Amino acid sequence: MASWIIKIALMAMSILIETTEGKKDKVLYCSACRAIVDELKYSISQIDPKKTINVGAFRLKPDGSLADKKVPLARSETNLSELLDGVCGSMSDYALHVDPDTKKKQYKRFAPRSSDAGDFPDFNNFKFDGPEGSNALKFACESIVEEFEDDIISLFAKETDHVVEKLCNEVSDHCKGTKFQSDEL
């Protein structure tokens, strides 16, 4: 009798643990991942490609010269770390977009950037949930940045193409197996 009660208690606890663990909202986390890449690409594109930064040990060699090298500022680890610190602040410029034809949901940028010059999206297809909607996207963004910061920096330092696919499908798996895999943000 006691073993039967223990088995039922263990089964109840396992069910409780599975339900309290919770699932990540695929649409939210996939959209946040794609938004991170979009925002970082835009921020990098705004930096003068001629600017460089010295990296290295800054120690003198035996011949008296420095052992440092110049790398482009836009894709330097220092700059990418600074950009990552502020990337989630722009999640308030995103809202849930429902495609009128396919009824597919995904968070998209609704606020035009200064360089977009009047390129406004159709607001009829956006669902504005107030601050709660952007807070959820911001939380998802912060979770992704915290968990994959080193991967994001290494991808952006080396890659210029296919960062969305590599980060969101391969590294984080947030968009893997969803219909968002090949869509543009």
N, C-alpha and C. Protein backbone atom coordinates (compact mmCIF):
# COMPACT_ATOMS: atom_id res chain seq x y z
N MET A 1 0.83 -1.19 0.00
CA MET A 1 0.00 0.00 0.00
C MET A 1 0.87 1.26 0.00
N ALA A 2 1.93 1.26 0.80
CA ALA A 2 2.81 2.43 0.89
C ALA A 2 3.52 2.66 -0.45
N SER A 3 3.93 1.60 -1.13
CA SER A 3 4.62 1.76 -2.42
C SER A 3 3.66 2.33 -3.47
N TRP A 4 2.39 1.98 -3.39
CA TRP A 4 1.40 2.49 -4.32
C TRP A 4 1.22 4.00 -4.12
N ILE A 5 1.18 4.43 -2.88
CA ILE A 5 1.04 5.86 -2.57
C ILE A 5 2.28 6.62 -3.03
N ILE A 6 3.45 6.05 -2.86
CA ILE A 6 4.69 6.70 -3.29
C ILE A 6 4.70 6.84 -4.81
N LYS A 7 4.28 5.80 -5.53
CA LYS A 7 4.24 5.86 -6.99
C LYS A 7 3.28 6.95 -7.48
N ILE A 8 2.12 7.03 -6.86
CA ILE A 8 1.16 8.08 -7.24
C ILE A 8 1.71 9.46 -6.91
N ALA A 9 2.36 9.60 -5.78
CA ALA A 9 2.94 10.89 -5.40
C ALA A 9 4.03 11.29 -6.39
N LEU A 10 4.88 10.35 -6.79
CA LEU A 10 5.93 10.65 -7.77
C LEU A 10 5.35 11.02 -9.12
N MET A 11 4.30 10.32 -9.54
CA MET A 11 3.65 10.64 -10.81
C MET A 11 3.02 12.03 -10.74
N ALA A 12 2.38 12.36 -9.67
CA ALA A 12 1.77 13.68 -9.52
C ALA A 12 2.83 14.77 -9.52
N MET A 13 3.95 14.51 -8.86
CA MET A 13 5.03 15.50 -8.83
C MET A 13 5.63 15.70 -10.22
N SER A 14 5.80 14.62 -10.98
CA SER A 14 6.37 14.76 -12.32
C SER A 14 5.43 15.55 -13.24
N ILE A 15 4.14 15.32 -13.11
CA ILE A 15 3.17 16.08 -13.90
C ILE A 15 3.19 17.55 -13.49
N LEU A 16 3.26 17.80 -12.21
CA LEU A 16 3.30 19.17 -11.70
C LEU A 16 4.56 19.89 -12.17
N ILE A 17 5.68 19.20 -12.15
CA ILE A 17 6.94 19.82 -12.59
C ILE A 17 6.86 20.16 -14.07
N GLU A 18 6.32 19.27 -14.89
CA GLU A 18 6.20 19.53 -16.33
C GLU A 18 5.31 20.73 -16.61
N THR A 19 4.22 20.87 -15.88
CA THR A 19 3.30 21.98 -16.14
C THR A 19 3.83 23.30 -15.59
N THR A 20 4.57 23.28 -14.49
CA THR A 20 5.09 24.53 -13.95
C THR A 20 6.35 24.99 -14.66
N GLU A 21 7.03 24.05 -15.33
CA GLU A 21 8.24 24.41 -16.06
C GLU A 21 7.91 25.38 -17.17
N GLY A 22 6.79 25.18 -17.83
CA GLY A 22 6.30 26.09 -18.85
C GLY A 22 7.04 25.96 -20.16
N LYS A 23 6.35 26.37 -21.21
CA LYS A 23 6.93 26.36 -22.54
C LYS A 23 7.18 27.79 -22.97
N LYS A 24 8.23 27.96 -23.74
CA LYS A 24 8.50 29.27 -24.31
C LYS A 24 7.59 29.45 -25.51
N ASP A 25 7.03 30.63 -25.61
CA ASP A 25 6.18 30.98 -26.75
C ASP A 25 7.07 31.07 -27.99
N LYS A 26 6.87 30.14 -28.94
CA LYS A 26 7.71 30.07 -30.15
C LYS A 26 7.67 31.36 -30.94
N VAL A 27 6.47 31.92 -31.11
CA VAL A 27 6.33 33.15 -31.89
C VAL A 27 7.10 34.28 -31.22
N LEU A 28 6.95 34.40 -29.92
CA LEU A 28 7.61 35.47 -29.17
C LEU A 28 9.13 35.35 -29.23
N TYR A 29 9.65 34.17 -28.92
CA TYR A 29 11.11 34.00 -28.87
C TYR A 29 11.74 34.00 -30.25
N CYS A 30 11.08 33.45 -31.23
CA CYS A 30 11.59 33.50 -32.60
C CYS A 30 11.63 34.95 -33.10
N SER A 31 10.55 35.68 -32.85
CA SER A 31 10.50 37.09 -33.27
C SER A 31 11.54 37.91 -32.53
N ALA A 32 11.75 37.65 -31.25
CA ALA A 32 12.76 38.38 -30.48
C ALA A 32 14.15 38.11 -31.04
N CYS A 33 14.42 36.86 -31.36
CA CYS A 33 15.72 36.50 -31.92
C CYS A 33 15.95 37.22 -33.25
N ARG A 34 14.94 37.20 -34.10
CA ARG A 34 15.05 37.85 -35.40
C ARG A 34 15.17 39.37 -35.24
N ALA A 35 14.48 39.93 -34.25
CA ALA A 35 14.56 41.37 -34.00
C ALA A 35 15.95 41.77 -33.51
N ILE A 36 16.56 40.93 -32.69
CA ILE A 36 17.92 41.20 -32.20
C ILE A 36 18.87 41.31 -33.39
N VAL A 37 18.78 40.36 -34.30
CA VAL A 37 19.65 40.37 -35.48
C VAL A 37 19.38 41.60 -36.33
N ASP A 38 18.11 41.93 -36.54
CA ASP A 38 17.74 43.09 -37.34
C ASP A 38 18.27 44.38 -36.73
N GLU A 39 18.08 44.54 -35.43
CA GLU A 39 18.54 45.76 -34.76
C GLU A 39 20.06 45.87 -34.75
N LEU A 40 20.74 44.76 -34.52
CA LEU A 40 22.21 44.80 -34.53
C LEU A 40 22.75 45.09 -35.92
N LYS A 41 22.14 44.50 -36.94
CA LYS A 41 22.57 44.79 -38.32
C LYS A 41 22.40 46.27 -38.64
N TYR A 42 21.27 46.83 -38.23
CA TYR A 42 21.02 48.24 -38.48
C TYR A 42 22.04 49.11 -37.73
N SER A 43 22.29 48.80 -36.46
CA SER A 43 23.26 49.58 -35.67
C SER A 43 24.66 49.49 -36.27
N ILE A 44 25.04 48.31 -36.73
CA ILE A 44 26.36 48.15 -37.34
C ILE A 44 26.44 48.94 -38.64
N SER A 45 25.36 48.97 -39.41
CA SER A 45 25.37 49.70 -40.68
C SER A 45 25.49 51.21 -40.48
N GLN A 46 25.14 51.70 -39.30
CA GLN A 46 25.20 53.13 -39.02
C GLN A 46 26.60 53.60 -38.61
N ILE A 47 27.52 52.67 -38.43
CA ILE A 47 28.89 53.02 -38.01
C ILE A 47 29.75 53.18 -39.25
N ASP A 48 30.57 54.22 -39.25
CA ASP A 48 31.47 54.50 -40.36
C ASP A 48 32.41 53.31 -40.56
N PRO A 49 32.41 52.69 -41.75
CA PRO A 49 33.26 51.51 -41.97
C PRO A 49 34.76 51.82 -41.93
N LYS A 50 35.11 53.10 -42.02
CA LYS A 50 36.53 53.47 -41.99
C LYS A 50 37.08 53.52 -40.57
N LYS A 51 36.19 53.60 -39.58
CA LYS A 51 36.66 53.68 -38.19
C LYS A 51 37.24 52.34 -37.77
N THR A 52 38.36 52.41 -37.08
CA THR A 52 39.01 51.20 -36.58
C THR A 52 39.29 51.35 -35.09
N ILE A 53 39.61 50.23 -34.47
CA ILE A 53 39.94 50.23 -33.05
C ILE A 53 41.17 49.33 -32.87
N ASN A 54 42.04 49.74 -31.97
CA ASN A 54 43.23 48.94 -31.68
C ASN A 54 42.86 47.84 -30.70
N VAL A 55 43.23 46.63 -31.03
CA VAL A 55 43.03 45.50 -30.13
C VAL A 55 44.36 44.76 -30.01
N GLY A 56 44.52 44.11 -28.91
CA GLY A 56 45.75 43.35 -28.70
C GLY A 56 46.22 43.47 -27.28
N ALA A 57 47.45 43.09 -27.06
CA ALA A 57 47.99 43.03 -25.70
C ALA A 57 48.53 44.38 -25.22
N PHE A 58 48.85 45.27 -26.13
CA PHE A 58 49.45 46.56 -25.80
C PHE A 58 50.73 46.39 -24.99
N ARG A 59 51.45 45.33 -25.26
CA ARG A 59 52.75 45.11 -24.63
C ARG A 59 53.83 45.38 -25.67
N LEU A 60 54.95 45.77 -25.17
CA LEU A 60 56.08 46.03 -26.05
C LEU A 60 56.77 44.72 -26.41
N LYS A 61 57.13 44.62 -27.68
CA LYS A 61 57.94 43.49 -28.14
C LYS A 61 59.39 43.80 -27.78
N PRO A 62 60.26 42.82 -27.85
CA PRO A 62 61.67 43.08 -27.54
C PRO A 62 62.30 44.15 -28.42
N ASP A 63 61.76 44.34 -29.62
CA ASP A 63 62.32 45.37 -30.50
C ASP A 63 61.73 46.76 -30.23
N GLY A 64 60.79 46.86 -29.30
CA GLY A 64 60.24 48.15 -28.91
C GLY A 64 58.92 48.50 -29.58
N SER A 65 58.42 47.64 -30.44
CA SER A 65 57.16 47.92 -31.11
C SER A 65 56.00 47.29 -30.33
N LEU A 66 54.80 47.78 -30.59
CA LEU A 66 53.60 47.25 -29.93
C LEU A 66 53.04 46.06 -30.69
N ALA A 67 52.48 45.12 -29.95
CA ALA A 67 51.87 43.93 -30.56
C ALA A 67 50.36 44.08 -30.59
N ASP A 68 49.88 45.10 -31.26
CA ASP A 68 48.44 45.28 -31.38
C ASP A 68 48.07 45.32 -32.85
N LYS A 69 46.79 45.23 -33.13
CA LYS A 69 46.34 45.32 -34.51
C LYS A 69 45.07 46.15 -34.55
N LYS A 70 44.76 46.67 -35.73
CA LYS A 70 43.56 47.47 -35.92
C LYS A 70 42.49 46.60 -36.57
N VAL A 71 41.29 46.68 -36.02
CA VAL A 71 40.15 45.97 -36.60
C VAL A 71 39.04 46.99 -36.83
N PRO A 72 38.13 46.73 -37.77
CA PRO A 72 37.01 47.66 -37.98
C PRO A 72 36.17 47.79 -36.70
N LEU A 73 35.85 49.01 -36.34
CA LEU A 73 35.08 49.28 -35.12
C LEU A 73 33.72 48.60 -35.15
N ALA A 74 33.05 48.63 -36.29
CA ALA A 74 31.67 48.13 -36.38
C ALA A 74 31.55 46.68 -35.92
N ARG A 75 32.49 45.85 -36.25
CA ARG A 75 32.41 44.42 -35.90
C ARG A 75 33.41 44.03 -34.82
N SER A 76 33.89 45.00 -34.07
CA SER A 76 34.81 44.68 -32.98
C SER A 76 34.02 44.13 -31.79
N GLU A 77 34.65 43.31 -31.01
CA GLU A 77 34.00 42.70 -29.85
C GLU A 77 33.53 43.77 -28.86
N THR A 78 34.32 44.81 -28.70
CA THR A 78 33.97 45.90 -27.79
C THR A 78 32.69 46.60 -28.24
N ASN A 79 32.62 46.94 -29.50
CA ASN A 79 31.44 47.62 -30.03
C ASN A 79 30.21 46.72 -29.99
N LEU A 80 30.38 45.47 -30.36
CA LEU A 80 29.25 44.53 -30.36
C LEU A 80 28.70 44.34 -28.95
N SER A 81 29.58 44.31 -27.95
CA SER A 81 29.12 44.20 -26.56
C SER A 81 28.30 45.41 -26.15
N GLU A 82 28.75 46.59 -26.56
CA GLU A 82 28.00 47.81 -26.24
C GLU A 82 26.64 47.83 -26.95
N LEU A 83 26.62 47.40 -28.20
CA LEU A 83 25.36 47.36 -28.94
C LEU A 83 24.39 46.35 -28.32
N LEU A 84 24.91 45.21 -27.88
CA LEU A 84 24.06 44.20 -27.25
C LEU A 84 23.44 44.70 -25.96
N ASP A 85 24.18 45.55 -25.24
CA ASP A 85 23.65 46.09 -23.98
C ASP A 85 22.38 46.91 -24.20
N GLY A 86 22.25 47.55 -25.35
CA GLY A 86 21.10 48.41 -25.59
C GLY A 86 20.09 47.88 -26.59
N VAL A 87 20.34 46.69 -27.15
CA VAL A 87 19.48 46.20 -28.24
C VAL A 87 18.05 45.93 -27.77
N CYS A 88 17.86 45.49 -26.56
CA CYS A 88 16.51 45.14 -26.10
C CYS A 88 15.66 46.37 -25.81
N GLY A 89 16.27 47.53 -25.70
CA GLY A 89 15.53 48.76 -25.50
C GLY A 89 14.67 49.13 -26.69
N SER A 90 15.04 48.64 -27.86
CA SER A 90 14.27 48.98 -29.07
C SER A 90 13.11 48.03 -29.31
N MET A 91 12.88 47.09 -28.41
CA MET A 91 11.77 46.14 -28.59
C MET A 91 10.41 46.82 -28.43
N SER A 92 10.39 48.03 -27.89
CA SER A 92 9.13 48.77 -27.79
C SER A 92 8.67 49.27 -29.17
N ASP A 93 9.54 49.17 -30.17
CA ASP A 93 9.20 49.56 -31.55
C ASP A 93 8.58 48.40 -32.33
N TYR A 94 8.33 47.29 -31.65
CA TYR A 94 7.78 46.10 -32.28
C TYR A 94 6.41 45.79 -31.70
N ALA A 95 5.57 45.18 -32.53
CA ALA A 95 4.24 44.75 -32.08
C ALA A 95 3.88 43.47 -32.83
N LEU A 96 2.87 42.79 -32.30
CA LEU A 96 2.42 41.56 -32.92
C LEU A 96 1.73 41.87 -34.24
N HIS A 97 2.19 41.26 -35.31
CA HIS A 97 1.64 41.46 -36.64
C HIS A 97 0.94 40.18 -37.06
N VAL A 98 -0.28 40.31 -37.54
CA VAL A 98 -1.03 39.16 -38.03
C VAL A 98 -1.22 39.35 -39.53
N ASP A 99 -0.65 38.44 -40.31
CA ASP A 99 -0.77 38.50 -41.75
C ASP A 99 -2.23 38.29 -42.12
N PRO A 100 -2.84 39.22 -42.88
CA PRO A 100 -4.27 39.09 -43.18
C PRO A 100 -4.61 37.88 -44.06
N ASP A 101 -3.67 37.41 -44.86
CA ASP A 101 -3.94 36.28 -45.75
C ASP A 101 -3.71 34.94 -45.07
N THR A 102 -2.55 34.80 -44.44
CA THR A 102 -2.19 33.50 -43.84
C THR A 102 -2.54 33.40 -42.36
N LYS A 103 -2.88 34.51 -41.73
CA LYS A 103 -3.17 34.58 -40.28
C LYS A 103 -1.95 34.21 -39.44
N LYS A 104 -0.76 34.26 -40.04
CA LYS A 104 0.48 33.96 -39.35
C LYS A 104 0.83 35.13 -38.43
N LYS A 105 1.18 34.80 -37.18
CA LYS A 105 1.54 35.83 -36.21
C LYS A 105 3.04 35.89 -36.04
N GLN A 106 3.54 37.12 -35.93
CA GLN A 106 4.95 37.33 -35.63
C GLN A 106 5.13 38.80 -35.25
N TYR A 107 6.08 39.06 -34.38
CA TYR A 107 6.36 40.43 -33.98
C TYR A 107 7.20 41.08 -35.07
N LYS A 108 6.75 42.29 -35.47
CA LYS A 108 7.46 43.04 -36.50
C LYS A 108 7.64 44.49 -36.03
N ARG A 109 8.62 45.13 -36.63
CA ARG A 109 8.88 46.53 -36.32
C ARG A 109 7.80 47.39 -36.97
N PHE A 110 7.16 48.24 -36.17
CA PHE A 110 6.15 49.15 -36.73
C PHE A 110 6.66 50.57 -36.78
N ALA A 111 7.64 50.90 -35.97
CA ALA A 111 8.16 52.27 -35.92
C ALA A 111 9.27 52.43 -36.96
N PRO A 112 9.11 53.38 -37.86
CA PRO A 112 10.16 53.57 -38.87
C PRO A 112 11.42 54.17 -38.24
N ARG A 113 12.53 53.82 -38.81
CA ARG A 113 13.81 54.39 -38.37
C ARG A 113 13.99 55.73 -39.04
N SER A 114 14.93 56.50 -38.56
CA SER A 114 15.14 57.84 -39.11
C SER A 114 15.52 57.80 -40.59
N SER A 115 16.16 56.72 -41.03
CA SER A 115 16.58 56.63 -42.43
C SER A 115 15.48 56.08 -43.34
N ASP A 116 14.35 55.64 -42.77
CA ASP A 116 13.27 55.06 -43.58
C ASP A 116 12.45 56.11 -44.31
N ALA A 117 12.49 57.33 -43.90
CA ALA A 117 11.86 58.48 -44.57
C ALA A 117 10.43 58.21 -45.03
N GLY A 118 9.52 58.05 -44.09
CA GLY A 118 8.11 57.93 -44.41
C GLY A 118 7.66 56.56 -44.83
N ASP A 119 8.46 55.55 -44.64
CA ASP A 119 8.09 54.18 -45.00
C ASP A 119 7.33 53.54 -43.84
N PHE A 120 6.04 53.90 -43.73
CA PHE A 120 5.22 53.42 -42.62
C PHE A 120 4.52 52.11 -42.99
N PRO A 121 4.49 51.16 -42.08
CA PRO A 121 3.75 49.92 -42.36
C PRO A 121 2.25 50.13 -42.19
N ASP A 122 1.47 49.17 -42.64
CA ASP A 122 0.02 49.20 -42.49
C ASP A 122 -0.33 48.82 -41.05
N PHE A 123 -0.80 49.76 -40.27
CA PHE A 123 -1.07 49.53 -38.85
C PHE A 123 -2.31 48.66 -38.61
N ASN A 124 -3.11 48.44 -39.63
CA ASN A 124 -4.33 47.64 -39.45
C ASN A 124 -4.04 46.19 -39.06
N ASN A 125 -2.88 45.70 -39.44
CA ASN A 125 -2.54 44.31 -39.19
C ASN A 125 -1.72 44.11 -37.91
N PHE A 126 -1.46 45.18 -37.20
CA PHE A 126 -0.71 45.09 -35.95
C PHE A 126 -1.67 45.03 -34.77
N LYS A 127 -1.32 44.26 -33.77
CA LYS A 127 -2.08 44.21 -32.53
C LYS A 127 -1.23 44.86 -31.44
N PHE A 128 -1.68 46.00 -30.97
CA PHE A 128 -0.95 46.71 -29.93
C PHE A 128 -1.54 46.33 -28.58
N ASP A 129 -0.76 45.60 -27.81
CA ASP A 129 -1.22 45.12 -26.50
C ASP A 129 -0.81 46.06 -25.38
N GLY A 130 -0.38 47.24 -25.71
CA GLY A 130 0.08 48.16 -24.69
C GLY A 130 1.47 47.76 -24.23
N PRO A 131 1.86 48.23 -23.07
CA PRO A 131 3.22 47.94 -22.60
C PRO A 131 3.47 46.46 -22.32
N GLU A 132 2.40 45.69 -22.05
CA GLU A 132 2.59 44.27 -21.75
C GLU A 132 3.17 43.52 -22.95
N GLY A 133 2.71 43.85 -24.15
CA GLY A 133 3.20 43.18 -25.35
C GLY A 133 4.67 43.44 -25.59
N SER A 134 5.09 44.70 -25.50
CA SER A 134 6.50 45.00 -25.72
C SER A 134 7.35 44.55 -24.54
N ASN A 135 6.76 44.51 -23.33
CA ASN A 135 7.52 44.00 -22.18
C ASN A 135 7.82 42.52 -22.35
N ALA A 136 6.88 41.76 -22.89
CA ALA A 136 7.11 40.33 -23.11
C ALA A 136 8.22 40.15 -24.15
N LEU A 137 8.19 40.94 -25.22
CA LEU A 137 9.22 40.85 -26.24
C LEU A 137 10.57 41.29 -25.68
N LYS A 138 10.57 42.32 -24.86
CA LYS A 138 11.81 42.79 -24.24
C LYS A 138 12.38 41.72 -23.31
N PHE A 139 11.52 41.05 -22.54
CA PHE A 139 11.98 39.97 -21.65
C PHE A 139 12.58 38.82 -22.46
N ALA A 140 11.92 38.45 -23.56
CA ALA A 140 12.44 37.39 -24.42
C ALA A 140 13.78 37.80 -25.02
N CYS A 141 13.89 39.05 -25.42
CA CYS A 141 15.14 39.58 -25.96
C CYS A 141 16.26 39.48 -24.92
N GLU A 142 15.97 39.95 -23.71
CA GLU A 142 16.98 39.91 -22.64
C GLU A 142 17.39 38.49 -22.31
N SER A 143 16.44 37.57 -22.35
CA SER A 143 16.75 36.16 -22.08
C SER A 143 17.68 35.60 -23.14
N ILE A 144 17.40 35.92 -24.40
CA ILE A 144 18.23 35.42 -25.50
C ILE A 144 19.62 36.04 -25.43
N VAL A 145 19.70 37.34 -25.19
CA VAL A 145 21.00 38.01 -25.12
C VAL A 145 21.83 37.45 -23.95
N GLU A 146 21.18 37.24 -22.83
CA GLU A 146 21.89 36.72 -21.66
C GLU A 146 22.42 35.30 -21.93
N GLU A 147 21.60 34.49 -22.55
CA GLU A 147 21.97 33.09 -22.76
C GLU A 147 22.97 32.91 -23.90
N PHE A 148 22.87 33.72 -24.94
CA PHE A 148 23.67 33.51 -26.14
C PHE A 148 24.59 34.69 -26.48
N GLU A 149 24.97 35.49 -25.50
CA GLU A 149 25.77 36.69 -25.76
C GLU A 149 27.06 36.37 -26.50
N ASP A 150 27.80 35.39 -26.05
CA ASP A 150 29.07 35.05 -26.69
C ASP A 150 28.85 34.57 -28.12
N ASP A 151 27.81 33.78 -28.34
CA ASP A 151 27.52 33.29 -29.69
C ASP A 151 27.12 34.43 -30.62
N ILE A 152 26.32 35.36 -30.11
CA ILE A 152 25.89 36.51 -30.92
C ILE A 152 27.10 37.33 -31.32
N ILE A 153 27.98 37.62 -30.37
CA ILE A 153 29.17 38.42 -30.66
C ILE A 153 30.06 37.72 -31.67
N SER A 154 30.28 36.42 -31.49
CA SER A 154 31.17 35.72 -32.44
C SER A 154 30.54 35.64 -33.83
N LEU A 155 29.22 35.45 -33.92
CA LEU A 155 28.57 35.44 -35.24
C LEU A 155 28.69 36.78 -35.94
N PHE A 156 28.43 37.86 -35.23
CA PHE A 156 28.48 39.18 -35.85
C PHE A 156 29.91 39.63 -36.12
N ALA A 157 30.88 39.15 -35.35
CA ALA A 157 32.27 39.53 -35.59
C ALA A 157 32.80 38.88 -36.86
N LYS A 158 32.30 37.70 -37.19
CA LYS A 158 32.81 36.97 -38.35
C LYS A 158 31.89 37.03 -39.56
N GLU A 159 30.60 36.90 -39.34
CA GLU A 159 29.63 36.75 -40.42
C GLU A 159 28.99 38.08 -40.80
N THR A 160 28.64 38.17 -42.05
CA THR A 160 27.82 39.29 -42.48
C THR A 160 26.51 38.79 -43.08
N ASP A 161 26.50 37.57 -43.56
CA ASP A 161 25.30 36.98 -44.16
C ASP A 161 24.82 35.80 -43.33
N HIS A 162 23.55 35.53 -43.42
CA HIS A 162 22.93 34.34 -42.80
C HIS A 162 23.03 34.31 -41.28
N VAL A 163 23.15 35.45 -40.64
CA VAL A 163 23.23 35.48 -39.18
C VAL A 163 21.90 35.06 -38.57
N VAL A 164 20.79 35.47 -39.18
CA VAL A 164 19.46 35.11 -38.67
C VAL A 164 19.32 33.59 -38.64
N GLU A 165 19.65 32.95 -39.75
CA GLU A 165 19.51 31.50 -39.82
C GLU A 165 20.40 30.80 -38.81
N LYS A 166 21.65 31.25 -38.72
CA LYS A 166 22.58 30.57 -37.82
C LYS A 166 22.20 30.79 -36.36
N LEU A 167 21.86 32.02 -35.98
CA LEU A 167 21.55 32.30 -34.58
C LEU A 167 20.19 31.73 -34.19
N CYS A 168 19.18 32.03 -34.96
CA CYS A 168 17.81 31.69 -34.55
C CYS A 168 17.42 30.25 -34.85
N ASN A 169 18.03 29.63 -35.85
CA ASN A 169 17.68 28.25 -36.19
C ASN A 169 18.68 27.24 -35.63
N GLU A 170 19.97 27.53 -35.74
CA GLU A 170 20.98 26.55 -35.35
C GLU A 170 21.46 26.71 -33.92
N VAL A 171 21.82 27.92 -33.53
CA VAL A 171 22.40 28.13 -32.20
C VAL A 171 21.34 28.09 -31.11
N SER A 172 20.28 28.89 -31.26
CA SER A 172 19.28 28.99 -30.20
C SER A 172 18.09 28.06 -30.38
N ASP A 173 17.84 27.60 -31.58
CA ASP A 173 16.69 26.74 -31.90
C ASP A 173 15.34 27.40 -31.67
N HIS A 174 15.29 28.72 -31.54
CA HIS A 174 14.01 29.39 -31.30
C HIS A 174 13.12 29.41 -32.53
N CYS A 175 13.70 29.37 -33.72
CA CYS A 175 12.90 29.39 -34.94
C CYS A 175 12.94 28.06 -35.67
N LYS A 176 13.63 27.11 -35.13
CA LYS A 176 13.76 25.81 -35.81
C LYS A 176 12.40 25.10 -35.84
N GLY A 177 12.04 24.63 -37.01
CA GLY A 177 10.80 23.91 -37.16
C GLY A 177 9.56 24.78 -37.21
N THR A 178 9.73 26.08 -37.32
CA THR A 178 8.58 26.97 -37.44
C THR A 178 8.50 27.51 -38.84
N LYS A 179 7.38 28.11 -39.15
CA LYS A 179 7.21 28.68 -40.48
C LYS A 179 7.91 30.01 -40.64
N PHE A 180 8.64 30.46 -39.59
CA PHE A 180 9.36 31.74 -39.65
C PHE A 180 10.77 31.55 -40.16
N GLN A 181 11.19 30.32 -40.43
CA GLN A 181 12.58 30.07 -40.75
C GLN A 181 13.11 30.91 -41.91
N SER A 182 12.36 31.04 -42.99
CA SER A 182 12.91 31.72 -44.15
C SER A 182 12.30 33.09 -44.39
N ASP A 183 11.37 33.51 -43.56
CA ASP A 183 10.73 34.82 -43.76
C ASP A 183 11.67 35.95 -43.36
N GLU A 184 11.54 37.05 -44.06
CA GLU A 184 12.28 38.24 -43.69
C GLU A 184 11.54 38.98 -42.60
N LEU A 185 12.26 39.68 -41.78
CA LEU A 185 11.64 40.43 -40.67
C LEU A 185 11.09 41.73 -41.18
